[in-house]
N, C-alpha and C. Protein backbone atom coordinates (compact mmCIF):
# COMPACT_ATOMS: atom_id res chain seq x y z
N UNK A 1 -54.60 -9.89 -54.27
CA UNK A 1 -55.57 -9.20 -53.46
C UNK A 1 -55.94 -7.87 -54.08
N UNK A 2 -54.98 -7.24 -54.71
CA UNK A 2 -55.27 -5.97 -55.36
C UNK A 2 -56.29 -6.10 -56.47
N UNK A 3 -56.21 -7.19 -57.21
CA UNK A 3 -57.19 -7.42 -58.28
C UNK A 3 -58.58 -7.57 -57.66
N UNK A 4 -58.66 -8.29 -56.55
CA UNK A 4 -59.95 -8.50 -55.91
C UNK A 4 -60.48 -7.21 -55.27
N UNK A 5 -59.59 -6.33 -54.87
CA UNK A 5 -60.04 -5.03 -54.35
C UNK A 5 -60.70 -4.24 -55.48
N UNK A 6 -60.08 -4.29 -56.67
CA UNK A 6 -60.61 -3.55 -57.81
C UNK A 6 -61.76 -4.26 -58.49
N UNK A 7 -61.79 -5.59 -58.39
CA UNK A 7 -62.81 -6.40 -59.07
C UNK A 7 -63.37 -7.45 -58.12
N UNK A 8 -64.16 -7.02 -57.13
CA UNK A 8 -64.72 -8.00 -56.20
C UNK A 8 -65.58 -9.03 -56.94
N UNK A 9 -65.70 -10.18 -56.34
CA UNK A 9 -66.56 -11.23 -56.87
C UNK A 9 -66.01 -11.82 -58.16
N UNK A 10 -64.67 -11.85 -58.29
CA UNK A 10 -64.03 -12.40 -59.48
C UNK A 10 -63.81 -13.90 -59.34
N UNK A 11 -63.87 -14.58 -60.46
CA UNK A 11 -63.56 -16.01 -60.49
C UNK A 11 -62.07 -16.20 -60.73
N UNK A 12 -61.60 -17.42 -60.53
CA UNK A 12 -60.21 -17.72 -60.83
C UNK A 12 -59.86 -17.45 -62.28
N UNK A 13 -60.79 -17.76 -63.17
CA UNK A 13 -60.57 -17.50 -64.60
C UNK A 13 -60.45 -16.00 -64.86
N UNK A 14 -61.27 -15.20 -64.22
CA UNK A 14 -61.20 -13.74 -64.40
C UNK A 14 -59.90 -13.19 -63.85
N UNK A 15 -59.43 -13.75 -62.74
CA UNK A 15 -58.14 -13.32 -62.19
C UNK A 15 -57.01 -13.67 -63.16
N UNK A 16 -57.07 -14.87 -63.73
CA UNK A 16 -56.07 -15.29 -64.71
C UNK A 16 -56.08 -14.35 -65.92
N UNK A 17 -57.26 -13.96 -66.36
CA UNK A 17 -57.37 -13.03 -67.49
C UNK A 17 -56.73 -11.68 -67.17
N UNK A 18 -56.82 -11.24 -65.94
CA UNK A 18 -56.17 -9.98 -65.54
C UNK A 18 -54.66 -10.10 -65.73
N UNK A 19 -54.11 -11.27 -65.37
CA UNK A 19 -52.67 -11.46 -65.54
C UNK A 19 -52.31 -11.57 -67.02
N UNK A 20 -53.21 -12.05 -67.84
CA UNK A 20 -52.94 -12.16 -69.26
C UNK A 20 -53.07 -10.83 -69.97
N UNK A 21 -53.87 -9.93 -69.45
CA UNK A 21 -54.12 -8.65 -70.13
C UNK A 21 -53.48 -7.47 -69.42
N UNK A 22 -53.99 -7.11 -68.27
CA UNK A 22 -53.58 -5.87 -67.64
C UNK A 22 -52.27 -6.00 -66.86
N UNK A 23 -52.26 -6.85 -65.88
CA UNK A 23 -51.10 -6.98 -65.00
C UNK A 23 -49.95 -7.66 -65.73
N UNK A 24 -50.26 -8.46 -66.72
CA UNK A 24 -49.23 -9.16 -67.48
C UNK A 24 -48.26 -8.23 -68.18
N UNK A 25 -48.59 -6.96 -68.27
CA UNK A 25 -47.66 -6.00 -68.87
C UNK A 25 -46.41 -5.83 -68.01
N UNK A 26 -46.52 -6.13 -66.70
CA UNK A 26 -45.39 -5.92 -65.81
C UNK A 26 -45.20 -7.02 -64.77
N UNK A 27 -46.15 -7.96 -64.68
CA UNK A 27 -46.04 -9.04 -63.69
C UNK A 27 -46.65 -10.30 -64.26
N UNK A 28 -45.95 -11.40 -64.16
CA UNK A 28 -46.43 -12.66 -64.72
C UNK A 28 -46.84 -13.61 -63.60
N UNK A 29 -47.91 -14.33 -63.84
CA UNK A 29 -48.35 -15.41 -62.95
C UNK A 29 -49.08 -16.42 -63.81
N UNK A 30 -48.71 -17.67 -63.65
CA UNK A 30 -49.33 -18.72 -64.44
C UNK A 30 -50.59 -19.22 -63.74
N UNK A 31 -51.40 -19.91 -64.52
CA UNK A 31 -52.62 -20.54 -64.01
C UNK A 31 -52.27 -21.43 -62.81
N UNK A 32 -51.16 -22.14 -62.90
CA UNK A 32 -50.77 -23.07 -61.84
C UNK A 32 -50.29 -22.35 -60.58
N UNK A 33 -50.00 -21.06 -60.66
CA UNK A 33 -49.63 -20.28 -59.49
C UNK A 33 -50.84 -19.64 -58.83
N UNK A 34 -51.80 -19.23 -59.64
CA UNK A 34 -52.93 -18.45 -59.14
C UNK A 34 -53.80 -19.27 -58.19
N UNK A 35 -54.17 -20.46 -58.57
CA UNK A 35 -55.09 -21.24 -57.74
C UNK A 35 -54.50 -21.65 -56.39
N UNK A 36 -53.23 -22.07 -56.31
CA UNK A 36 -52.66 -22.34 -54.98
C UNK A 36 -52.61 -21.08 -54.10
N UNK A 37 -52.34 -19.93 -54.72
CA UNK A 37 -52.33 -18.68 -53.94
C UNK A 37 -53.73 -18.34 -53.43
N UNK A 38 -54.75 -18.57 -54.26
CA UNK A 38 -56.12 -18.35 -53.81
C UNK A 38 -56.44 -19.24 -52.62
N UNK A 39 -56.02 -20.49 -52.69
CA UNK A 39 -56.27 -21.44 -51.59
C UNK A 39 -55.58 -20.97 -50.31
N UNK A 40 -54.35 -20.51 -50.44
CA UNK A 40 -53.60 -20.01 -49.28
C UNK A 40 -54.29 -18.78 -48.70
N UNK A 41 -54.72 -17.86 -49.55
CA UNK A 41 -55.38 -16.65 -49.06
C UNK A 41 -56.72 -16.97 -48.42
N UNK A 42 -57.41 -17.99 -48.91
CA UNK A 42 -58.65 -18.44 -48.27
C UNK A 42 -58.35 -18.96 -46.86
N UNK A 43 -57.31 -19.80 -46.76
CA UNK A 43 -56.92 -20.35 -45.46
C UNK A 43 -56.53 -19.25 -44.49
N UNK A 44 -55.82 -18.25 -44.97
CA UNK A 44 -55.39 -17.12 -44.13
C UNK A 44 -56.51 -16.12 -43.87
N UNK A 45 -57.66 -16.33 -44.49
CA UNK A 45 -58.84 -15.47 -44.37
C UNK A 45 -58.60 -14.06 -44.90
N UNK A 46 -57.74 -13.97 -45.92
CA UNK A 46 -57.53 -12.69 -46.60
C UNK A 46 -58.60 -12.48 -47.66
N UNK A 47 -59.14 -13.59 -48.16
CA UNK A 47 -60.22 -13.53 -49.14
C UNK A 47 -61.29 -14.53 -48.73
N UNK A 48 -62.46 -14.40 -49.33
CA UNK A 48 -63.52 -15.38 -49.14
C UNK A 48 -63.99 -15.83 -50.51
N UNK A 49 -64.51 -17.04 -50.56
CA UNK A 49 -65.00 -17.59 -51.81
C UNK A 49 -66.44 -18.04 -51.66
N UNK A 50 -67.24 -17.72 -52.66
CA UNK A 50 -68.64 -18.12 -52.66
C UNK A 50 -68.99 -18.74 -54.00
N UNK A 51 -69.84 -19.75 -53.94
CA UNK A 51 -70.33 -20.38 -55.16
C UNK A 51 -71.68 -19.79 -55.51
N UNK A 52 -71.91 -19.60 -56.77
CA UNK A 52 -73.20 -19.10 -57.24
C UNK A 52 -74.13 -20.28 -57.49
N UNK A 53 -75.41 -20.06 -57.32
CA UNK A 53 -76.39 -21.14 -57.50
C UNK A 53 -76.38 -21.70 -58.92
N UNK A 54 -76.17 -20.86 -59.91
CA UNK A 54 -76.24 -21.31 -61.31
C UNK A 54 -74.99 -22.07 -61.75
N UNK A 55 -73.90 -22.01 -60.98
CA UNK A 55 -72.68 -22.74 -61.34
C UNK A 55 -71.91 -23.05 -60.06
N UNK A 56 -72.13 -24.21 -59.51
CA UNK A 56 -71.51 -24.55 -58.23
C UNK A 56 -70.03 -24.87 -58.34
N UNK A 57 -69.53 -25.09 -59.55
CA UNK A 57 -68.11 -25.38 -59.73
C UNK A 57 -67.27 -24.11 -59.68
N UNK A 58 -67.85 -23.00 -60.03
CA UNK A 58 -67.12 -21.75 -60.14
C UNK A 58 -67.20 -20.99 -58.82
N UNK A 59 -66.04 -20.62 -58.30
CA UNK A 59 -65.98 -19.88 -57.04
C UNK A 59 -65.71 -18.41 -57.36
N UNK A 60 -66.45 -17.54 -56.70
CA UNK A 60 -66.27 -16.10 -56.84
C UNK A 60 -65.58 -15.59 -55.58
N UNK A 61 -64.44 -14.94 -55.77
CA UNK A 61 -63.60 -14.51 -54.65
C UNK A 61 -63.76 -13.02 -54.40
N UNK A 62 -63.68 -12.66 -53.11
CA UNK A 62 -63.71 -11.26 -52.71
C UNK A 62 -62.73 -11.06 -51.57
N UNK A 63 -62.25 -9.86 -51.45
CA UNK A 63 -61.30 -9.48 -50.40
C UNK A 63 -62.05 -9.33 -49.08
N UNK A 64 -61.47 -9.85 -47.99
CA UNK A 64 -62.05 -9.64 -46.66
C UNK A 64 -61.47 -8.36 -46.07
N UNK A 65 -61.99 -7.92 -44.94
CA UNK A 65 -61.43 -6.73 -44.29
C UNK A 65 -60.00 -7.00 -43.84
N UNK A 66 -59.73 -8.23 -43.39
CA UNK A 66 -58.36 -8.61 -43.02
C UNK A 66 -57.44 -8.52 -44.24
N UNK A 67 -57.90 -9.04 -45.37
CA UNK A 67 -57.12 -8.97 -46.59
C UNK A 67 -56.89 -7.55 -47.05
N UNK A 68 -57.89 -6.72 -46.91
CA UNK A 68 -57.77 -5.31 -47.28
C UNK A 68 -56.70 -4.62 -46.44
N UNK A 69 -56.67 -4.92 -45.15
CA UNK A 69 -55.66 -4.35 -44.26
C UNK A 69 -54.27 -4.81 -44.67
N UNK A 70 -54.12 -6.11 -44.96
CA UNK A 70 -52.83 -6.67 -45.39
C UNK A 70 -52.37 -5.98 -46.69
N UNK A 71 -53.29 -5.84 -47.64
CA UNK A 71 -52.97 -5.20 -48.92
C UNK A 71 -52.52 -3.76 -48.71
N UNK A 72 -53.25 -3.00 -47.92
CA UNK A 72 -52.88 -1.59 -47.67
C UNK A 72 -51.53 -1.47 -47.00
N UNK A 73 -51.24 -2.35 -46.05
CA UNK A 73 -49.92 -2.35 -45.39
C UNK A 73 -48.81 -2.64 -46.39
N UNK A 74 -49.07 -3.60 -47.29
CA UNK A 74 -48.09 -3.96 -48.30
C UNK A 74 -47.83 -2.78 -49.25
N UNK A 75 -48.89 -2.10 -49.68
CA UNK A 75 -48.73 -0.94 -50.56
C UNK A 75 -47.92 0.16 -49.87
N UNK A 76 -48.11 0.32 -48.56
CA UNK A 76 -47.43 1.37 -47.80
C UNK A 76 -45.94 1.09 -47.58
N UNK A 77 -45.51 -0.17 -47.72
CA UNK A 77 -44.10 -0.50 -47.49
C UNK A 77 -43.24 0.13 -48.58
N UNK A 78 -42.16 0.81 -48.18
CA UNK A 78 -41.29 1.43 -49.18
C UNK A 78 -40.52 0.38 -49.98
N UNK A 79 -40.25 0.69 -51.23
CA UNK A 79 -39.44 -0.18 -52.07
C UNK A 79 -37.98 0.08 -51.73
N UNK A 80 -37.20 -0.98 -51.61
CA UNK A 80 -35.80 -0.82 -51.22
C UNK A 80 -34.82 -1.32 -52.27
N UNK A 81 -35.34 -1.95 -53.34
CA UNK A 81 -34.44 -2.43 -54.40
C UNK A 81 -35.18 -2.50 -55.72
N UNK A 82 -34.42 -2.45 -56.79
CA UNK A 82 -35.00 -2.59 -58.11
C UNK A 82 -35.33 -4.05 -58.38
N UNK A 83 -36.36 -4.30 -59.19
CA UNK A 83 -36.71 -5.69 -59.48
C UNK A 83 -35.67 -6.36 -60.38
N UNK A 84 -35.59 -7.67 -60.28
CA UNK A 84 -34.71 -8.44 -61.14
C UNK A 84 -35.35 -8.51 -62.52
N UNK A 85 -34.56 -8.22 -63.54
CA UNK A 85 -35.07 -8.22 -64.91
C UNK A 85 -34.46 -9.41 -65.65
N UNK A 86 -35.31 -10.22 -66.25
CA UNK A 86 -34.84 -11.36 -67.02
C UNK A 86 -35.04 -11.05 -68.50
N UNK A 87 -34.07 -10.38 -69.09
CA UNK A 87 -34.14 -9.93 -70.47
C UNK A 87 -33.22 -10.81 -71.31
N UNK A 88 -33.78 -11.83 -71.95
CA UNK A 88 -32.97 -12.77 -72.72
C UNK A 88 -32.29 -12.12 -73.93
N UNK A 89 -32.96 -11.18 -74.55
CA UNK A 89 -32.36 -10.47 -75.68
C UNK A 89 -31.04 -9.82 -75.23
N UNK A 90 -31.09 -9.08 -74.14
CA UNK A 90 -29.88 -8.40 -73.66
C UNK A 90 -28.81 -9.39 -73.24
N UNK A 91 -29.22 -10.47 -72.61
CA UNK A 91 -28.25 -11.48 -72.18
C UNK A 91 -27.54 -12.11 -73.38
N UNK A 92 -28.30 -12.48 -74.40
CA UNK A 92 -27.69 -13.07 -75.60
C UNK A 92 -26.77 -12.07 -76.30
N UNK A 93 -27.25 -10.85 -76.43
CA UNK A 93 -26.45 -9.81 -77.09
C UNK A 93 -25.15 -9.56 -76.32
N UNK A 94 -25.22 -9.58 -75.01
CA UNK A 94 -24.07 -9.35 -74.15
C UNK A 94 -22.94 -10.34 -74.42
N UNK A 95 -23.30 -11.58 -74.74
CA UNK A 95 -22.30 -12.62 -74.92
C UNK A 95 -21.79 -12.77 -76.35
N UNK A 96 -22.20 -11.89 -77.23
CA UNK A 96 -21.65 -11.88 -78.59
C UNK A 96 -20.55 -10.83 -78.64
N UNK A 97 -19.33 -11.27 -78.93
CA UNK A 97 -18.18 -10.37 -78.87
C UNK A 97 -17.86 -9.69 -80.20
N UNK A 98 -18.09 -10.39 -81.29
CA UNK A 98 -17.70 -9.90 -82.61
C UNK A 98 -18.78 -8.98 -83.19
N UNK A 99 -18.40 -7.77 -83.50
CA UNK A 99 -19.33 -6.78 -84.06
C UNK A 99 -19.95 -7.26 -85.38
N UNK A 100 -19.25 -8.12 -86.09
CA UNK A 100 -19.74 -8.61 -87.39
C UNK A 100 -20.49 -9.94 -87.28
N UNK A 101 -20.75 -10.40 -86.09
CA UNK A 101 -21.47 -11.66 -85.90
C UNK A 101 -22.87 -11.52 -86.49
N UNK A 102 -23.25 -12.39 -87.46
CA UNK A 102 -24.54 -12.26 -88.13
C UNK A 102 -25.75 -12.47 -87.20
N UNK A 103 -25.52 -13.08 -86.07
CA UNK A 103 -26.62 -13.31 -85.13
C UNK A 103 -27.14 -12.00 -84.53
N UNK A 104 -26.30 -10.99 -84.50
CA UNK A 104 -26.72 -9.70 -83.95
C UNK A 104 -27.88 -9.13 -84.76
N UNK A 105 -27.73 -9.15 -86.07
CA UNK A 105 -28.76 -8.63 -86.96
C UNK A 105 -30.09 -9.37 -86.76
N UNK A 106 -30.02 -10.69 -86.62
CA UNK A 106 -31.24 -11.50 -86.43
C UNK A 106 -31.86 -11.25 -85.06
N UNK A 107 -31.03 -11.15 -84.04
CA UNK A 107 -31.54 -10.84 -82.70
C UNK A 107 -32.29 -9.51 -82.70
N UNK A 108 -31.70 -8.51 -83.33
CA UNK A 108 -32.30 -7.18 -83.39
C UNK A 108 -33.62 -7.22 -84.16
N UNK A 109 -33.62 -7.93 -85.28
CA UNK A 109 -34.84 -8.05 -86.08
C UNK A 109 -35.96 -8.70 -85.28
N UNK A 110 -35.64 -9.80 -84.60
CA UNK A 110 -36.64 -10.50 -83.80
C UNK A 110 -37.14 -9.63 -82.65
N UNK A 111 -36.23 -8.94 -81.98
CA UNK A 111 -36.61 -8.08 -80.86
C UNK A 111 -37.51 -6.93 -81.34
N UNK A 112 -37.17 -6.37 -82.49
CA UNK A 112 -37.98 -5.29 -83.06
C UNK A 112 -39.41 -5.78 -83.32
N UNK A 113 -39.55 -6.96 -83.89
CA UNK A 113 -40.88 -7.52 -84.17
C UNK A 113 -41.67 -7.74 -82.88
N UNK A 114 -41.00 -8.28 -81.86
CA UNK A 114 -41.67 -8.52 -80.58
C UNK A 114 -42.16 -7.20 -79.97
N UNK A 115 -41.31 -6.19 -80.00
CA UNK A 115 -41.68 -4.90 -79.41
C UNK A 115 -42.77 -4.22 -80.22
N UNK A 116 -42.71 -4.31 -81.54
CA UNK A 116 -43.78 -3.73 -82.36
C UNK A 116 -45.12 -4.40 -82.05
N UNK A 117 -45.12 -5.71 -81.90
CA UNK A 117 -46.35 -6.42 -81.53
C UNK A 117 -46.84 -6.01 -80.15
N UNK A 118 -45.91 -5.89 -79.22
CA UNK A 118 -46.26 -5.47 -77.86
C UNK A 118 -46.84 -4.05 -77.87
N UNK A 119 -46.22 -3.17 -78.61
CA UNK A 119 -46.72 -1.79 -78.70
C UNK A 119 -48.12 -1.75 -79.30
N UNK A 120 -48.35 -2.54 -80.30
CA UNK A 120 -49.68 -2.61 -80.90
C UNK A 120 -50.71 -3.03 -79.85
N UNK A 121 -50.35 -4.03 -79.07
CA UNK A 121 -51.23 -4.49 -78.00
C UNK A 121 -51.46 -3.39 -76.96
N UNK A 122 -50.40 -2.73 -76.55
CA UNK A 122 -50.51 -1.66 -75.55
C UNK A 122 -51.36 -0.50 -76.05
N UNK A 123 -51.16 -0.11 -77.30
CA UNK A 123 -51.97 0.97 -77.87
C UNK A 123 -53.45 0.59 -77.90
N UNK A 124 -53.74 -0.67 -78.23
CA UNK A 124 -55.14 -1.09 -78.27
C UNK A 124 -55.75 -1.13 -76.87
N UNK A 125 -54.97 -1.52 -75.86
CA UNK A 125 -55.46 -1.50 -74.48
C UNK A 125 -55.72 -0.07 -74.03
N UNK A 126 -54.83 0.86 -74.39
CA UNK A 126 -55.03 2.27 -74.02
C UNK A 126 -56.31 2.80 -74.65
N UNK A 127 -56.52 2.50 -75.92
CA UNK A 127 -57.72 2.96 -76.62
C UNK A 127 -58.98 2.37 -76.00
N UNK A 128 -58.92 1.09 -75.64
CA UNK A 128 -60.09 0.41 -75.06
C UNK A 128 -60.39 0.88 -73.64
N UNK A 129 -59.36 0.98 -72.81
CA UNK A 129 -59.57 1.24 -71.39
C UNK A 129 -59.57 2.71 -71.00
N UNK A 130 -58.86 3.53 -71.74
CA UNK A 130 -58.67 4.92 -71.33
C UNK A 130 -59.03 5.90 -72.45
N UNK A 131 -60.22 5.72 -72.97
CA UNK A 131 -60.67 6.54 -74.10
C UNK A 131 -61.30 7.86 -73.66
N UNK A 132 -61.36 8.10 -72.33
CA UNK A 132 -61.87 9.39 -71.86
C UNK A 132 -61.25 9.71 -70.50
N UNK A 133 -61.25 10.99 -70.12
CA UNK A 133 -60.61 11.40 -68.86
C UNK A 133 -61.21 10.73 -67.62
N UNK A 134 -62.50 10.42 -67.65
CA UNK A 134 -63.13 9.76 -66.50
C UNK A 134 -62.50 8.39 -66.24
N UNK A 135 -62.28 7.61 -67.29
CA UNK A 135 -61.67 6.29 -67.14
C UNK A 135 -60.24 6.39 -66.60
N UNK A 136 -59.53 7.42 -67.04
CA UNK A 136 -58.17 7.64 -66.53
C UNK A 136 -58.24 7.94 -65.04
N UNK A 137 -59.12 8.84 -64.65
CA UNK A 137 -59.25 9.23 -63.24
C UNK A 137 -59.65 8.05 -62.35
N UNK A 138 -60.54 7.21 -62.83
CA UNK A 138 -61.04 6.09 -62.04
C UNK A 138 -60.01 4.97 -61.87
N UNK A 139 -59.05 4.88 -62.78
CA UNK A 139 -58.03 3.81 -62.74
C UNK A 139 -56.66 4.41 -62.99
N UNK A 140 -56.33 5.45 -62.25
CA UNK A 140 -55.14 6.24 -62.55
C UNK A 140 -53.84 5.44 -62.44
N UNK A 141 -53.71 4.59 -61.42
CA UNK A 141 -52.49 3.78 -61.28
C UNK A 141 -52.31 2.86 -62.47
N UNK A 142 -53.38 2.23 -62.90
CA UNK A 142 -53.33 1.35 -64.07
C UNK A 142 -52.92 2.15 -65.31
N UNK A 143 -53.50 3.34 -65.45
CA UNK A 143 -53.16 4.21 -66.58
C UNK A 143 -51.66 4.55 -66.57
N UNK A 144 -51.14 4.90 -65.40
CA UNK A 144 -49.71 5.25 -65.31
C UNK A 144 -48.82 4.08 -65.71
N UNK A 145 -49.16 2.88 -65.27
CA UNK A 145 -48.37 1.70 -65.60
C UNK A 145 -48.43 1.41 -67.10
N UNK A 146 -49.61 1.56 -67.68
CA UNK A 146 -49.76 1.34 -69.12
C UNK A 146 -48.93 2.35 -69.90
N UNK A 147 -48.98 3.61 -69.49
CA UNK A 147 -48.20 4.64 -70.18
C UNK A 147 -46.70 4.41 -70.00
N UNK A 148 -46.31 3.90 -68.84
CA UNK A 148 -44.90 3.56 -68.61
C UNK A 148 -44.47 2.45 -69.57
N UNK A 149 -45.31 1.44 -69.72
CA UNK A 149 -44.99 0.33 -70.62
C UNK A 149 -44.88 0.82 -72.06
N UNK A 150 -45.79 1.70 -72.46
CA UNK A 150 -45.74 2.26 -73.82
C UNK A 150 -44.45 3.04 -74.01
N UNK A 151 -44.12 3.91 -73.06
CA UNK A 151 -42.91 4.72 -73.15
C UNK A 151 -41.65 3.85 -73.20
N UNK A 152 -41.60 2.84 -72.36
CA UNK A 152 -40.44 1.94 -72.34
C UNK A 152 -40.28 1.22 -73.68
N UNK A 153 -41.38 0.71 -74.22
CA UNK A 153 -41.31 0.00 -75.50
C UNK A 153 -40.99 0.94 -76.65
N UNK A 154 -41.55 2.13 -76.64
CA UNK A 154 -41.21 3.11 -77.68
C UNK A 154 -39.73 3.45 -77.63
N UNK A 155 -39.18 3.61 -76.43
CA UNK A 155 -37.75 3.90 -76.27
C UNK A 155 -36.88 2.75 -76.77
N UNK A 156 -37.28 1.53 -76.46
CA UNK A 156 -36.53 0.36 -76.92
C UNK A 156 -36.57 0.27 -78.45
N UNK A 157 -37.73 0.53 -79.01
CA UNK A 157 -37.87 0.47 -80.47
C UNK A 157 -37.03 1.56 -81.13
N UNK A 158 -37.02 2.73 -80.55
CA UNK A 158 -36.19 3.83 -81.09
C UNK A 158 -34.72 3.44 -81.06
N UNK A 159 -34.27 2.83 -79.96
CA UNK A 159 -32.89 2.39 -79.85
C UNK A 159 -32.58 1.32 -80.89
N UNK A 160 -33.47 0.33 -81.04
CA UNK A 160 -33.26 -0.74 -82.02
C UNK A 160 -33.18 -0.19 -83.43
N UNK A 161 -34.04 0.77 -83.74
CA UNK A 161 -34.05 1.37 -85.08
C UNK A 161 -32.82 2.22 -85.35
N UNK A 162 -32.12 2.63 -84.31
CA UNK A 162 -30.91 3.45 -84.50
C UNK A 162 -29.68 2.58 -84.77
N UNK A 163 -29.80 1.27 -84.60
CA UNK A 163 -28.65 0.38 -84.80
C UNK A 163 -28.42 0.06 -86.26
C-alpha cells in the first residue's frame, strides 16, 4: 500500500519493479506473492484497480481512502522487536570451528564480491535518485533507507577487508 501511496496508478509489473529496485534493498517479495496480495487488498477495498482502454489486460492499482487509513495506522504502530535476519554467510562462518579451515577464505572472498556488487548498485541508485537536495527532500524516508544500506555495506566491507 505504501508503494501505491507514493506511486498511484501503478501496475503489478511496476510494483514488482519497486521490489526489485528500491524496496528490495531491505524487503523481498516475489512476483508470486505480489499478485495474491493485490487480490486480497482489492477484496478488502484497501486498493482499487482500473483497466486502461489501450490495454485491458493490465490493471492499474491505486490506494483507496480506507487503504490510506490502514497504511497510516500501520506506520504509527511502534516497533517492538528487531527483524529476523537470514544471513547465510554468518551462519556458515559460525559453524566452522578451525581457524585454518580453507573454506573461511573462500567464504570471505565470495562475501566481499557480493557486497562490492551491492555497493556499486546502491551508489548508482543514489546518483540516479538523489542527485539534488530537492529529490532528497521529496523522498526523504527512501533516501534515509538507501544511506543506511550504503553505510551497512561499507561497514561490512571494511570488516571483511580487515580479516
